[in-house]
N, C-alpha and C. Protein backbone atom coordinates (compact mmCIF):
# COMPACT_ATOMS: atom_id res chain seq x y z
N MET A 1 -9.75 -23.35 4.44
CA MET A 1 -10.82 -22.26 4.50
C MET A 1 -11.75 -22.40 3.48
N PRO A 2 -13.09 -22.48 3.75
CA PRO A 2 -14.04 -22.53 2.68
C PRO A 2 -14.15 -21.25 1.89
N THR A 3 -14.55 -21.27 0.58
CA THR A 3 -14.59 -20.13 -0.27
C THR A 3 -15.61 -19.13 0.28
N ALA A 4 -16.64 -19.58 0.96
CA ALA A 4 -17.57 -18.73 1.53
C ALA A 4 -16.84 -17.66 2.62
N GLU A 5 -15.98 -18.23 3.33
CA GLU A 5 -15.16 -17.46 4.31
C GLU A 5 -14.04 -16.71 3.63
N LEU A 6 -13.57 -17.13 2.57
CA LEU A 6 -12.44 -16.59 1.85
C LEU A 6 -12.75 -15.17 1.17
N LYS A 7 -13.87 -15.12 0.60
CA LYS A 7 -14.23 -13.95 -0.13
C LYS A 7 -14.27 -12.67 0.80
N PRO A 8 -15.01 -12.69 1.88
CA PRO A 8 -15.04 -11.59 2.75
C PRO A 8 -13.59 -11.23 3.38
N PHE A 9 -12.87 -12.29 3.59
CA PHE A 9 -11.46 -12.17 4.18
C PHE A 9 -10.65 -11.37 3.08
N LEU A 10 -10.69 -11.86 1.96
CA LEU A 10 -9.86 -11.01 0.92
C LEU A 10 -10.50 -9.68 0.65
N LEU A 11 -11.77 -9.49 0.72
CA LEU A 11 -12.33 -8.07 0.54
C LEU A 11 -11.83 -7.24 1.64
N TYR A 12 -11.79 -7.67 2.94
CA TYR A 12 -11.40 -6.87 4.06
C TYR A 12 -9.85 -6.57 3.99
N CYS A 13 -9.12 -7.58 3.48
CA CYS A 13 -7.65 -7.42 3.31
C CYS A 13 -7.40 -6.35 2.29
N THR A 14 -8.08 -6.31 1.22
CA THR A 14 -7.96 -5.41 0.15
C THR A 14 -8.38 -4.00 0.72
N LEU A 15 -9.41 -3.87 1.37
CA LEU A 15 -9.76 -2.56 1.86
C LEU A 15 -8.91 -1.97 2.86
N ILE A 16 -8.47 -2.91 3.86
CA ILE A 16 -7.44 -2.37 4.76
C ILE A 16 -6.08 -2.02 4.21
N ASN A 17 -5.65 -2.77 3.21
CA ASN A 17 -4.34 -2.45 2.55
C ASN A 17 -4.52 -1.15 1.66
N TYR A 18 -5.62 -0.87 1.17
CA TYR A 18 -5.75 0.35 0.34
C TYR A 18 -6.01 1.50 1.31
N LEU A 19 -6.51 1.25 2.50
CA LEU A 19 -6.59 2.34 3.57
C LEU A 19 -5.22 2.70 4.02
N ILE A 20 -4.39 1.65 4.21
CA ILE A 20 -2.97 1.91 4.56
C ILE A 20 -2.26 2.80 3.46
N LEU A 21 -2.42 2.36 2.20
CA LEU A 21 -1.83 3.03 1.17
C LEU A 21 -2.36 4.54 1.13
N LEU A 22 -3.53 4.70 1.24
CA LEU A 22 -4.05 6.18 1.36
C LEU A 22 -3.50 6.94 2.41
N ILE A 23 -3.36 6.36 3.64
CA ILE A 23 -2.81 7.00 4.77
C ILE A 23 -1.30 7.34 4.50
N TRP A 24 -0.63 6.44 3.91
CA TRP A 24 0.74 6.62 3.54
C TRP A 24 0.89 7.83 2.53
N PHE A 25 0.08 7.83 1.50
CA PHE A 25 -0.03 8.94 0.56
C PHE A 25 -0.35 10.30 1.29
N ALA A 26 -1.35 10.24 2.11
CA ALA A 26 -1.75 11.52 2.81
C ALA A 26 -0.64 11.97 3.71
N ALA A 27 -0.04 11.11 4.36
CA ALA A 27 1.14 11.55 5.15
C ALA A 27 2.31 12.09 4.40
N PHE A 28 2.55 11.32 3.15
CA PHE A 28 3.65 11.75 2.44
C PHE A 28 3.38 13.13 1.77
N THR A 29 2.13 13.35 1.30
CA THR A 29 1.96 14.57 0.65
C THR A 29 1.60 15.76 1.65
N GLY A 30 0.83 15.40 2.78
CA GLY A 30 0.53 16.42 3.76
C GLY A 30 1.64 16.89 4.68
N ALA A 31 2.56 15.85 4.97
CA ALA A 31 3.61 16.24 5.96
C ALA A 31 4.91 15.83 5.39
N HIS A 32 5.17 16.26 4.14
CA HIS A 32 6.31 15.84 3.42
C HIS A 32 7.49 16.37 4.04
N ASP A 33 7.64 17.69 4.47
CA ASP A 33 8.83 18.16 5.04
C ASP A 33 9.10 17.50 6.37
N PHE A 34 8.02 17.36 7.22
CA PHE A 34 8.36 16.63 8.53
C PHE A 34 8.92 15.28 8.33
N VAL A 35 8.34 14.55 7.51
CA VAL A 35 8.73 13.22 7.31
C VAL A 35 10.11 13.13 6.69
N TYR A 36 10.46 14.12 5.74
CA TYR A 36 11.76 14.18 5.24
C TYR A 36 12.86 14.48 6.30
N ARG A 37 12.51 15.49 7.20
CA ARG A 37 13.47 15.77 8.32
C ARG A 37 13.59 14.69 9.27
N LEU A 38 12.53 13.92 9.50
CA LEU A 38 12.53 12.77 10.31
C LEU A 38 13.49 11.81 9.76
N HIS A 39 13.43 11.41 8.50
CA HIS A 39 14.26 10.41 7.87
C HIS A 39 15.68 10.92 7.69
N THR A 40 15.95 12.08 7.51
CA THR A 40 17.31 12.59 7.27
C THR A 40 18.07 12.76 8.61
N ARG A 41 17.42 12.46 9.70
CA ARG A 41 18.18 12.26 10.97
C ARG A 41 19.04 11.05 10.89
N TRP A 42 18.58 10.02 10.21
CA TRP A 42 19.28 8.68 10.19
C TRP A 42 20.08 8.51 8.85
N PHE A 43 19.60 8.99 7.72
CA PHE A 43 20.16 8.84 6.45
C PHE A 43 20.35 10.05 5.74
N ALA A 44 21.46 10.27 5.17
CA ALA A 44 21.69 11.31 4.23
C ALA A 44 21.09 11.17 2.93
N LEU A 45 19.94 11.73 2.64
CA LEU A 45 19.19 11.56 1.46
C LEU A 45 18.89 12.94 0.84
N PRO A 46 19.13 13.05 -0.48
CA PRO A 46 18.60 14.21 -1.13
C PRO A 46 17.04 14.13 -1.29
N VAL A 47 16.34 15.24 -1.52
CA VAL A 47 14.94 15.22 -1.55
C VAL A 47 14.36 14.33 -2.65
N GLU A 48 15.05 14.38 -3.90
CA GLU A 48 14.72 13.64 -5.03
C GLU A 48 14.73 12.20 -4.79
N LYS A 49 15.80 11.70 -4.14
CA LYS A 49 15.84 10.41 -3.85
C LYS A 49 14.90 9.85 -2.77
N PHE A 50 14.63 10.72 -1.76
CA PHE A 50 13.57 10.43 -0.72
C PHE A 50 12.22 10.26 -1.43
N ASP A 51 11.88 11.28 -2.39
CA ASP A 51 10.58 11.14 -3.03
C ASP A 51 10.47 9.85 -3.94
N ALA A 52 11.59 9.62 -4.64
CA ALA A 52 11.63 8.35 -5.52
C ALA A 52 11.43 7.05 -4.72
N ILE A 53 12.15 7.00 -3.47
CA ILE A 53 11.97 5.78 -2.77
C ILE A 53 10.49 5.68 -2.23
N HIS A 54 9.86 6.65 -1.82
CA HIS A 54 8.54 6.57 -1.27
C HIS A 54 7.56 6.27 -2.49
N TYR A 55 7.77 6.96 -3.70
CA TYR A 55 6.93 6.72 -4.76
C TYR A 55 7.16 5.21 -5.18
N GLY A 56 8.37 4.65 -5.25
CA GLY A 56 8.50 3.26 -5.65
C GLY A 56 7.86 2.38 -4.59
N GLY A 57 8.10 2.75 -3.32
CA GLY A 57 7.48 1.83 -2.21
C GLY A 57 5.93 1.76 -2.35
N MET A 58 5.32 2.94 -2.63
CA MET A 58 3.97 2.93 -2.85
C MET A 58 3.45 2.15 -3.97
N ALA A 59 4.22 2.16 -5.11
CA ALA A 59 3.89 1.40 -6.30
C ALA A 59 4.12 -0.04 -6.08
N ILE A 60 5.18 -0.41 -5.36
CA ILE A 60 5.35 -1.94 -5.02
C ILE A 60 4.15 -2.44 -4.15
N TYR A 61 3.83 -1.63 -3.09
CA TYR A 61 2.84 -1.95 -2.19
C TYR A 61 1.47 -2.25 -2.99
N LYS A 62 1.15 -1.25 -3.76
CA LYS A 62 -0.10 -1.24 -4.53
C LYS A 62 -0.04 -2.53 -5.50
N ILE A 63 1.00 -2.80 -6.05
CA ILE A 63 1.06 -4.08 -6.91
C ILE A 63 0.92 -5.27 -6.13
N GLY A 64 1.49 -5.31 -4.99
CA GLY A 64 1.28 -6.49 -4.06
C GLY A 64 -0.26 -6.68 -3.60
N VAL A 65 -0.85 -5.50 -3.29
CA VAL A 65 -2.21 -5.61 -3.00
C VAL A 65 -3.06 -6.14 -4.11
N LEU A 66 -2.86 -5.68 -5.33
CA LEU A 66 -3.50 -6.04 -6.44
C LEU A 66 -3.16 -7.54 -6.79
N LEU A 67 -2.01 -7.95 -6.52
CA LEU A 67 -1.64 -9.43 -6.98
C LEU A 67 -1.98 -10.37 -5.89
N PHE A 68 -1.94 -10.09 -4.59
CA PHE A 68 -2.22 -10.91 -3.50
C PHE A 68 -3.69 -10.79 -2.92
N ASN A 69 -4.29 -9.77 -3.01
CA ASN A 69 -5.63 -9.59 -2.51
C ASN A 69 -6.75 -9.50 -3.50
N LEU A 70 -6.52 -8.60 -4.41
CA LEU A 70 -7.67 -8.19 -5.29
C LEU A 70 -7.82 -9.20 -6.45
N ALA A 71 -6.70 -9.77 -7.02
CA ALA A 71 -6.82 -10.66 -8.16
C ALA A 71 -7.46 -11.96 -7.62
N PRO A 72 -7.05 -12.52 -6.51
CA PRO A 72 -7.76 -13.86 -5.96
C PRO A 72 -9.16 -13.52 -5.65
N LEU A 73 -9.46 -12.32 -5.15
CA LEU A 73 -10.96 -11.99 -4.86
C LEU A 73 -11.73 -12.05 -6.13
N LEU A 74 -11.24 -11.38 -7.11
CA LEU A 74 -11.95 -11.27 -8.46
C LEU A 74 -12.11 -12.81 -9.07
N ALA A 75 -11.02 -13.46 -8.94
CA ALA A 75 -11.10 -14.87 -9.38
C ALA A 75 -12.18 -15.77 -8.68
N LEU A 76 -12.18 -15.62 -7.34
CA LEU A 76 -13.22 -16.31 -6.60
C LEU A 76 -14.61 -15.76 -6.94
N CYS A 77 -14.77 -14.49 -7.20
CA CYS A 77 -16.10 -13.93 -7.62
C CYS A 77 -16.52 -14.41 -8.88
N MET A 78 -15.66 -14.62 -9.85
CA MET A 78 -15.93 -15.09 -11.06
C MET A 78 -16.30 -16.56 -11.12
N LEU A 79 -15.74 -17.36 -10.15
CA LEU A 79 -16.00 -18.72 -10.16
C LEU A 79 -17.25 -19.14 -9.35
N PHE A 80 -17.62 -18.39 -8.40
CA PHE A 80 -18.72 -18.83 -7.46
C PHE A 80 -19.65 -17.61 -7.33
């Protein structure tokens, strides 16, 4: 894939992934009790552990977006 096509691709990937992260955060904060009740149907989790799992998941997802989408995009922008 030529670099001319790679830059917009990485930009759209970054934007879509951050949109997913924002939706996850909004759902987690806005509907916390509903999501917690939904998950405790299948798993016995205390609220603190549930919050820690989601917080850790969001952190790992954000690091992945930075590492695999934003860093290569910035590198391409610096080179060309």
